[in-house]
Amino acid sequence: MATNLVSLVMQFLTPDMVGRIATEFGFDRNKVQSAISGAVPALLAAFNEVAAQPGGAQKLADAARQQTGSFENLTGALAGGEQSSLLDKGSQLLSSLVSGQNQNALIGAITKFTGLGQGASGSLLEMLAPIVMGTIGQHQSAARALDANGIANLFASQKDNIAAALPSGFDKLLSGTGLLNSLGEATRTATSVARGVGDTGQRTASAAIARSSNWLYWLVPIAAAAAFLIYFAVRPTEQVGQQGMNQAQSLAVGGVDVGKQITNSIASVRTTLDGVSDVASAQAALPKLQEVTAQIDRTDSTVGQLSAEQRKLLLSLVKPLMAGVNQLCDKVLAIPGVAEVLKPSVDTLKTRLTAFAT
């Protein structure tokens, strides 16, 4: 059966995995799922553009060899609270293959399509890049063609699949960027078909794709290997998540659930910062950040009443979350003009939260 790279990537990004990603990074799950549906084929289109350039196929082949362990890296990072390291690696991969202009175009399209903030969209893109490249590496290794010619031939055969997988409207957000140029007639054909069949036809096409994915899941050996990895890598993550819930329930003092208050404060910080995209949204976010800081200060007096064992539990609960908070803070403060508005409040919040994690 013919290979479909989009389906291969999506088989790893199961609803359970999407939920884990959303939870660990504090993102809205539905928005994450929507972002992935557009970002995966868009990334493949960007890599296809690279493959069409002189020497580009070799660059992709070299990158694919380095990302063959990306599935294990993602599950391990989510379980171990090493999200920042994961994003750094994804950022380096993207920078080595995709121009800054095209990266900004992808982030902008995801942001407009899903309503996620620019920081969240950028983080998701950085996380997905190694997964997409790792899928290519595993597939080509199985085909014994992980070289420039093999990569070039693979992408030449994937244009129709990539174009067909782009959600309705997402392709328009990338028009004029050049990211879809390498797909050529495939994009125009997919757009024409989508316009002709209407909503009913789209639902039928989605059902057909789902059936195709199910066949592919059972028939392609790499899918079985990926499922095997997920089964054994995700189970420890489930245990960690359950352990975290139990710890939060143990952090009660005088009827006050300290663990819940702190984790809720962290979630509020991430949700608030996720909505910051410019100076105006930063000014709107400032009162909320100040409110969260006041809540943390009130909680701090209760933390002093925790036992030594409870303090250890609090440390294990908060520390894994801080990597994502720090990463998001850095991204938001890098937006032009935002640091002048938010940096004092953000620095104060980070100091307060870091105290709980040390």
Protein backbone atom coordinates (compact mmCIF):
# COMPACT_ATOMS: atom_id res chain seq x y z
CA MET A 1 0.00 0.00 0.00
CA ALA A 2 1.26 3.50 -0.85
CA THR A 3 2.88 5.49 1.92
CA ASN A 4 1.08 8.49 3.42
CA LEU A 5 3.44 10.52 5.61
CA VAL A 6 0.64 12.59 7.12
CA SER A 7 -1.12 9.45 8.33
CA LEU A 8 2.11 8.03 9.73
CA VAL A 9 2.72 11.14 11.83
CA MET A 10 -0.90 11.31 13.00
CA GLN A 11 -0.76 7.71 14.22
CA PHE A 12 1.72 8.79 16.88
CA LEU A 13 -0.21 11.95 17.80
CA THR A 14 -3.14 10.04 19.26
CA PRO A 15 -5.90 11.83 21.23
CA ASP A 16 -4.22 10.63 24.42
CA MET A 17 -0.86 12.08 23.37
CA VAL A 18 -2.52 15.36 22.34
CA GLY A 19 -4.10 15.52 25.79
CA ARG A 20 -0.73 15.01 27.45
CA ILE A 21 0.88 17.74 25.38
CA ALA A 22 -1.96 20.15 26.18
CA THR A 23 -1.77 19.36 29.90
CA GLU A 24 2.00 19.63 30.23
CA PHE A 25 2.18 22.95 28.39
CA GLY A 26 -1.05 24.42 29.74
CA PHE A 27 -2.70 24.70 26.31
CA ASP A 28 -6.34 24.24 25.36
CA ARG A 29 -6.74 20.66 24.14
CA ASN A 30 -9.16 21.43 21.30
CA LYS A 31 -6.92 24.19 20.02
CA VAL A 32 -3.91 21.87 20.18
CA GLN A 33 -5.75 19.24 18.14
CA SER A 34 -6.78 21.86 15.58
CA ALA A 35 -3.23 23.22 15.44
CA ILE A 36 -1.76 19.77 14.84
CA SER A 37 -4.19 19.08 11.99
CA GLY A 38 -2.84 22.09 10.14
CA ALA A 39 0.77 22.19 11.36
CA VAL A 40 1.70 18.61 10.39
CA PRO A 41 0.90 18.89 6.65
CA ALA A 42 2.22 22.48 6.64
CA LEU A 43 5.55 21.31 8.08
CA LEU A 44 5.71 18.56 5.48
CA ALA A 45 5.04 21.18 2.79
CA ALA A 46 7.89 23.28 4.20
CA PHE A 47 10.22 20.26 4.18
CA ASN A 48 9.08 19.46 0.65
CA GLU A 49 10.15 22.98 -0.32
CA VAL A 50 13.58 22.22 1.19
CA ALA A 51 13.79 18.94 -0.75
CA ALA A 52 13.23 20.85 -4.01
CA GLN A 53 16.25 23.08 -3.41
CA PRO A 54 19.84 22.18 -4.42
CA GLY A 55 21.35 20.15 -1.60
CA GLY A 56 18.08 20.28 0.32
CA ALA A 57 17.34 16.56 0.11
CA GLN A 58 20.71 15.77 1.68
CA LYS A 59 20.03 18.23 4.52
CA LEU A 60 16.71 16.49 5.17
CA ALA A 61 18.34 13.06 5.10
CA ASP A 62 20.96 14.18 7.64
CA ALA A 63 18.28 15.70 9.91
CA ALA A 64 16.12 12.57 9.66
CA ARG A 65 19.00 10.37 10.86
CA GLN A 66 19.36 12.55 13.95
CA GLN A 67 15.66 12.40 14.83
CA THR A 68 15.01 8.66 14.74
CA GLY A 69 14.51 8.67 18.54
CA SER A 70 12.09 11.61 18.55
CA PHE A 71 9.13 9.50 19.73
CA GLU A 72 10.97 8.32 22.82
CA ASN A 73 12.35 11.83 23.39
CA LEU A 74 8.87 13.37 23.44
CA THR A 75 7.34 10.88 25.86
CA GLY A 76 10.45 10.99 28.05
CA ALA A 77 10.46 14.79 28.13
CA LEU A 78 6.77 14.98 29.01
CA ALA A 79 7.24 12.46 31.80
CA GLY A 80 10.42 14.05 33.15
CA GLY A 81 9.47 17.72 33.00
CA GLU A 82 12.11 18.49 30.36
CA GLN A 83 9.86 20.44 28.00
CA SER A 84 12.35 23.28 27.65
CA SER A 85 15.08 20.95 26.36
CA LEU A 86 12.61 19.39 23.92
CA LEU A 87 11.63 22.78 22.52
CA ASP A 88 15.25 23.86 22.21
CA LYS A 89 16.01 20.82 20.06
CA GLY A 90 12.95 21.46 17.91
CA SER A 91 13.95 25.10 17.48
CA GLN A 92 17.44 24.09 16.34
CA LEU A 93 15.98 21.62 13.84
CA LEU A 94 13.60 24.18 12.38
CA SER A 95 16.31 26.83 12.14
CA SER A 96 18.58 24.45 10.24
CA LEU A 97 15.93 23.69 7.61
CA VAL A 98 13.30 26.44 7.45
CA SER A 99 13.98 30.15 7.04
CA GLY A 100 12.92 32.54 9.78
CA GLN A 101 10.42 34.13 7.40
CA ASN A 102 8.75 30.79 6.70
CA GLN A 103 8.75 29.86 10.38
CA ASN A 104 6.96 33.13 11.17
CA ALA A 105 4.47 32.39 8.38
CA LEU A 106 3.72 28.96 9.86
CA ILE A 107 3.34 30.36 13.39
CA GLY A 108 1.08 33.13 12.12
CA ALA A 109 -1.12 30.65 10.23
CA ILE A 110 -1.48 28.39 13.28
CA THR A 111 -2.29 31.38 15.50
CA LYS A 112 -5.00 32.68 13.18
CA PHE A 113 -6.42 29.22 12.49
CA THR A 114 -6.68 28.10 16.13
CA GLY A 115 -6.75 31.21 18.31
CA LEU A 116 -3.65 30.05 20.19
CA GLY A 117 -1.16 32.75 21.09
CA GLN A 118 2.01 33.18 19.05
CA GLY A 119 4.11 31.74 21.86
CA ALA A 120 1.97 28.61 22.11
CA SER A 121 1.89 28.19 18.33
CA GLY A 122 5.66 28.50 18.15
CA SER A 123 6.14 25.94 20.93
CA LEU A 124 3.85 23.45 19.21
CA LEU A 125 5.71 23.90 15.95
CA GLU A 126 9.03 23.29 17.70
CA MET A 127 7.62 20.15 19.31
CA LEU A 128 6.14 18.77 16.11
CA ALA A 129 9.19 19.30 13.88
CA PRO A 130 11.27 16.45 15.43
CA ILE A 131 8.21 14.15 15.37
CA VAL A 132 7.61 14.79 11.68
CA MET A 133 11.29 14.38 10.87
CA GLY A 134 11.56 11.30 13.06
CA THR A 135 8.68 9.70 11.14
CA ILE A 136 10.50 10.37 7.89
CA GLY A 137 13.67 8.86 9.32
CA GLN A 138 11.96 5.70 10.54
CA HIS A 139 10.07 5.21 7.30
CA GLN A 140 13.12 5.68 5.11
CA SER A 141 15.30 3.51 7.34
CA ALA A 142 12.73 0.73 6.95
CA ALA A 143 12.80 1.30 3.20
CA ARG A 144 16.63 1.28 3.21
CA ALA A 145 16.71 4.60 1.40
CA LEU A 146 17.67 7.19 4.00
CA ASP A 147 19.77 9.22 1.59
CA ALA A 148 19.29 12.25 -0.63
CA ASN A 149 17.75 10.30 -3.50
CA GLY A 150 15.40 8.41 -1.22
CA ILE A 151 14.22 11.61 0.49
CA ALA A 152 13.73 13.37 -2.85
CA ASN A 153 11.69 10.48 -4.22
CA LEU A 154 9.64 10.25 -1.01
CA PHE A 155 8.59 13.90 -1.09
CA ALA A 156 7.91 13.77 -4.81
CA SER A 157 5.35 11.05 -4.08
CA GLN A 158 3.72 12.91 -1.16
CA LYS A 159 2.49 16.14 -2.77
CA ASP A 160 -1.11 14.99 -3.20
CA ASN A 161 -1.27 13.57 0.34
CA ILE A 162 0.14 16.74 1.90
CA ALA A 163 -2.16 19.05 -0.08
CA ALA A 164 -5.24 16.93 0.69
CA ALA A 165 -4.47 16.96 4.44
CA LEU A 166 -4.38 20.76 4.77
CA PRO A 167 -7.58 21.80 6.60
CA SER A 168 -10.04 23.98 4.73
CA GLY A 169 -8.93 27.59 5.12
CA PHE A 170 -5.46 26.78 6.43
CA ASP A 171 -4.01 26.78 2.93
CA LYS A 172 -5.36 30.29 2.38
CA LEU A 173 -3.45 31.50 5.44
CA LEU A 174 -0.24 30.30 3.77
CA SER A 175 -1.01 31.76 0.36
CA GLY A 176 1.63 34.20 -0.79
CA THR A 177 4.29 32.75 1.50
CA GLY A 178 5.79 30.33 -1.02
CA LEU A 179 5.49 27.41 1.41
CA LEU A 180 2.99 25.64 -0.83
CA ASN A 181 4.70 26.39 -4.15
CA SER A 182 6.55 23.08 -4.22
CA LEU A 183 3.23 21.20 -4.06
CA GLY A 184 2.32 22.74 -7.42
CA GLU A 185 -0.88 21.47 -9.02
CA ALA A 186 -1.66 19.25 -6.02
CA THR A 187 -2.68 22.26 -3.89
CA ARG A 188 -4.89 23.72 -6.60
CA THR A 189 -6.54 20.35 -7.20
CA ALA A 190 -7.21 19.78 -3.50
CA THR A 191 -8.68 23.28 -3.13
CA SER A 192 -10.90 22.81 -6.18
CA VAL A 193 -12.23 19.49 -4.93
CA ALA A 194 -12.93 20.93 -1.47
CA ARG A 195 -14.92 23.79 -2.94
CA GLY A 196 -16.92 21.48 -5.17
CA VAL A 197 -18.02 18.88 -2.68
CA GLY A 198 -19.17 21.22 0.13
CA ASP A 199 -19.58 20.26 3.79
CA THR A 200 -21.11 16.85 3.06
CA GLY A 201 -18.27 15.93 0.77
CA GLN A 202 -15.73 17.05 3.35
CA ARG A 203 -17.28 14.77 5.96
CA THR A 204 -17.18 11.89 3.47
CA ALA A 205 -13.56 12.63 2.64
CA SER A 206 -12.69 12.74 6.34
CA ALA A 207 -14.32 9.36 6.87
CA ALA A 208 -12.37 7.96 3.90
CA ILE A 209 -9.12 9.30 5.30
CA ALA A 210 -9.92 7.76 8.69
CA ARG A 211 -10.57 4.37 7.06
CA SER A 212 -7.34 4.69 5.11
CA SER A 213 -5.48 5.52 8.31
CA ASN A 214 -6.92 2.44 10.00
CA TRP A 215 -5.74 0.22 7.13
CA LEU A 216 -2.37 1.90 7.24
CA TYR A 217 -2.15 1.44 10.97
CA TRP A 218 -2.51 -2.32 10.70
CA LEU A 219 -0.55 -2.89 7.51
CA VAL A 220 2.51 -0.66 7.81
CA PRO A 221 5.22 -2.18 10.03
CA ILE A 222 6.47 1.17 11.26
CA ALA A 223 3.06 1.92 12.72
CA ALA A 224 3.23 -1.25 14.78
CA ALA A 225 6.69 -0.27 16.00
CA ALA A 226 5.47 3.21 16.95
CA ALA A 227 2.49 1.74 18.82
CA PHE A 228 4.86 -0.55 20.72
CA LEU A 229 7.00 2.41 21.77
CA ILE A 230 4.00 4.47 22.79
CA TYR A 231 2.55 1.69 24.92
CA PHE A 232 5.65 1.27 27.04
CA ALA A 233 6.70 4.92 27.07
CA VAL A 234 3.31 6.40 27.93
CA ARG A 235 2.45 4.06 30.77
CA PRO A 236 5.05 5.64 33.09
CA THR A 237 3.63 9.06 32.16
CA GLU A 238 0.18 7.91 33.25
CA GLN A 239 1.65 6.82 36.56
CA VAL A 240 3.39 10.17 36.98
CA GLY A 241 0.14 12.01 36.25
CA GLN A 242 -1.77 9.95 38.80
CA GLN A 243 1.03 10.42 41.32
CA GLY A 244 0.81 14.19 40.79
CA MET A 245 -2.94 14.11 41.49
CA ASN A 246 -2.36 12.14 44.68
CA GLN A 247 0.33 14.58 45.79
CA ALA A 248 -1.93 17.57 45.22
CA GLN A 249 -4.60 15.93 47.38
CA SER A 250 -2.02 15.47 50.19
CA LEU A 251 -1.07 19.17 50.33
CA ALA A 252 -3.93 20.37 52.53
CA VAL A 253 -3.35 22.60 55.57
CA GLY A 254 -6.20 23.77 57.78
CA GLY A 255 -8.73 22.93 55.10
CA VAL A 256 -6.76 24.84 52.44
CA ASP A 257 -5.60 22.79 49.43
CA VAL A 258 -2.18 24.38 48.89
CA GLY A 259 -1.26 22.14 45.96
CA LYS A 260 -4.44 23.02 44.09
CA GLN A 261 -4.01 26.74 44.75
CA ILE A 262 -0.45 26.78 43.42
CA THR A 263 -1.15 24.65 40.35
CA ASN A 264 -4.20 26.80 39.59
CA SER A 265 -2.01 29.90 39.86
CA ILE A 266 0.51 28.40 37.44
CA ALA A 267 -2.28 27.52 35.02
CA SER A 268 -3.59 31.10 35.25
CA VAL A 269 -0.13 32.49 34.50
CA ARG A 270 0.24 30.29 31.44
CA THR A 271 -3.26 31.01 30.15
CA THR A 272 -2.75 34.75 30.61
CA LEU A 273 0.66 34.82 28.91
CA ASP A 274 -0.59 32.62 26.11
CA GLY A 275 -2.97 35.41 25.13
CA VAL A 276 -0.22 38.01 24.82
CA SER A 277 0.77 38.80 21.24
CA ASP A 278 1.48 42.57 21.31
CA VAL A 279 1.68 45.60 23.60
CA ALA A 280 -2.09 46.06 23.80
CA SER A 281 -2.72 42.45 24.90
CA ALA A 282 0.20 42.74 27.34
CA GLN A 283 -1.42 45.77 28.98
CA ALA A 284 -4.69 43.85 29.23
CA ALA A 285 -2.87 40.89 30.82
CA LEU A 286 -1.06 42.96 33.46
CA PRO A 287 -3.93 43.19 36.02
CA LYS A 288 -4.46 39.43 35.83
CA LEU A 289 -0.76 38.72 36.45
CA GLN A 290 -0.82 41.09 39.42
CA GLU A 291 -3.90 39.30 40.75
CA VAL A 292 -2.15 35.93 40.45
CA THR A 293 0.89 37.33 42.27
CA ALA A 294 -1.34 38.48 45.13
CA GLN A 295 -2.91 35.01 45.31
CA ILE A 296 0.52 33.38 45.46
CA ASP A 297 1.56 35.75 48.25
CA ARG A 298 -1.51 34.72 50.25
CA THR A 299 -0.70 31.05 49.64
CA ASP A 300 2.89 31.57 50.76
CA SER A 301 1.89 32.01 54.40
CA THR A 302 0.11 28.66 54.30
CA VAL A 303 3.08 26.92 52.72
CA GLY A 304 5.07 27.69 55.87
CA GLN A 305 2.75 25.35 57.75
CA LEU A 306 3.53 22.33 55.55
CA SER A 307 5.40 19.41 57.03
CA ALA A 308 8.79 18.41 55.66
CA GLU A 309 7.19 15.56 53.70
CA GLN A 310 4.54 17.86 52.27
CA ARG A 311 7.23 20.31 51.18
CA LYS A 312 8.91 17.51 49.24
CA LEU A 313 5.60 16.70 47.58
CA LEU A 314 5.10 20.35 46.68
CA LEU A 315 8.58 20.47 45.16
CA SER A 316 7.91 17.40 43.00
CA LEU A 317 4.58 18.90 41.89
CA VAL A 318 5.78 22.39 40.95
CA LYS A 319 9.28 21.82 39.62
CA PRO A 320 8.26 19.97 36.40
CA LEU A 321 5.79 22.76 35.58
CA MET A 322 8.34 25.56 35.83
CA ALA A 323 10.23 24.61 32.67
CA GLY A 324 7.17 25.36 30.57
CA VAL A 325 6.45 28.56 32.51
CA ASN A 326 9.99 29.86 32.02
CA GLN A 327 9.90 28.99 28.33
CA LEU A 328 6.62 30.84 27.84
CA CYS A 329 7.83 33.87 29.79
CA ASP A 330 10.92 34.13 27.61
CA LYS A 331 8.87 33.92 24.43
CA VAL A 332 6.36 36.54 25.55
CA LEU A 333 9.01 38.99 26.74
CA ALA A 334 10.75 38.67 23.38
CA ILE A 335 7.72 40.19 21.61
CA PRO A 336 8.57 43.82 20.69
CA GLY A 337 7.42 46.26 23.36
CA VAL A 338 6.01 43.62 25.73
CA ALA A 339 8.98 43.50 28.12
CA GLU A 340 8.50 47.17 29.00
CA VAL A 341 4.95 46.38 30.13
CA LEU A 342 5.21 42.95 31.73
CA LYS A 343 8.82 42.24 32.75
CA PRO A 344 8.60 43.51 36.36
CA SER A 345 5.43 41.48 37.03
CA VAL A 346 6.73 38.42 35.18
CA ASP A 347 10.04 38.51 37.10
CA THR A 348 8.18 38.76 40.40
CA LEU A 349 5.94 35.83 39.50
CA LYS A 350 8.88 33.68 38.42
CA THR A 351 10.68 34.44 41.70
CA ARG A 352 7.62 33.49 43.75
CA LEU A 353 6.99 30.27 41.82
CA THR A 354 10.66 29.26 41.74
CA ALA A 355 10.69 29.47 45.54
CA PHE A 356 8.12 26.67 45.61
CA ALA A 357 10.24 24.56 43.25
CA THR A 358 13.54 24.85 45.14
